[in-house]
């Protein structure tokens, strides 16, 4: 399995049984692809089985654009793991590089099975996701998500069922 680790920086994600591509805006010992995610993900479409976006989306200017890019690079019906700071958390308010934070409902926008996604989601992007798991870490002040990219014409049962321990 091929996995993309967005914003890997000094703490790259490690996942057993996966070939990792570590992407960051700065060079580093394990960074294999250097780019600014505000300008997209410079890889072909439908190439990665998993995308990790742990503590990176809150640093980007356009959440919808990066979710569209993640959707584009994932093979049909595979997963993305997302973690970011909750609104009002110490980390959200302390880190000067954060341009946003999240609430429990922030990513509902992309999932048509939620009220917010059904009412508003397709106004801004045709790319749909299904939220499989949502965890709030109120002690650490983070929101952790497991999402599945929904793409037309995906083979039945074509998805991975493994979990990531977010911390």
Foldseek 3Di string as FASTA:
>chain_A
DEEEEEQCPPPHDDDPPYDYAYEHCDDDDRHPHHDDPLVADPDQFQAGQEYEAEAPCQLHDDNVRHVVRVLGRHHAWEKYKYKFFAPPAPVCVPDPSGPDGDHQCRCVCQACVDPNVVVHNVVVPPWHKHWPDWDADVVRGMIITMIITHDPPDDPPPYDDDDDDSD
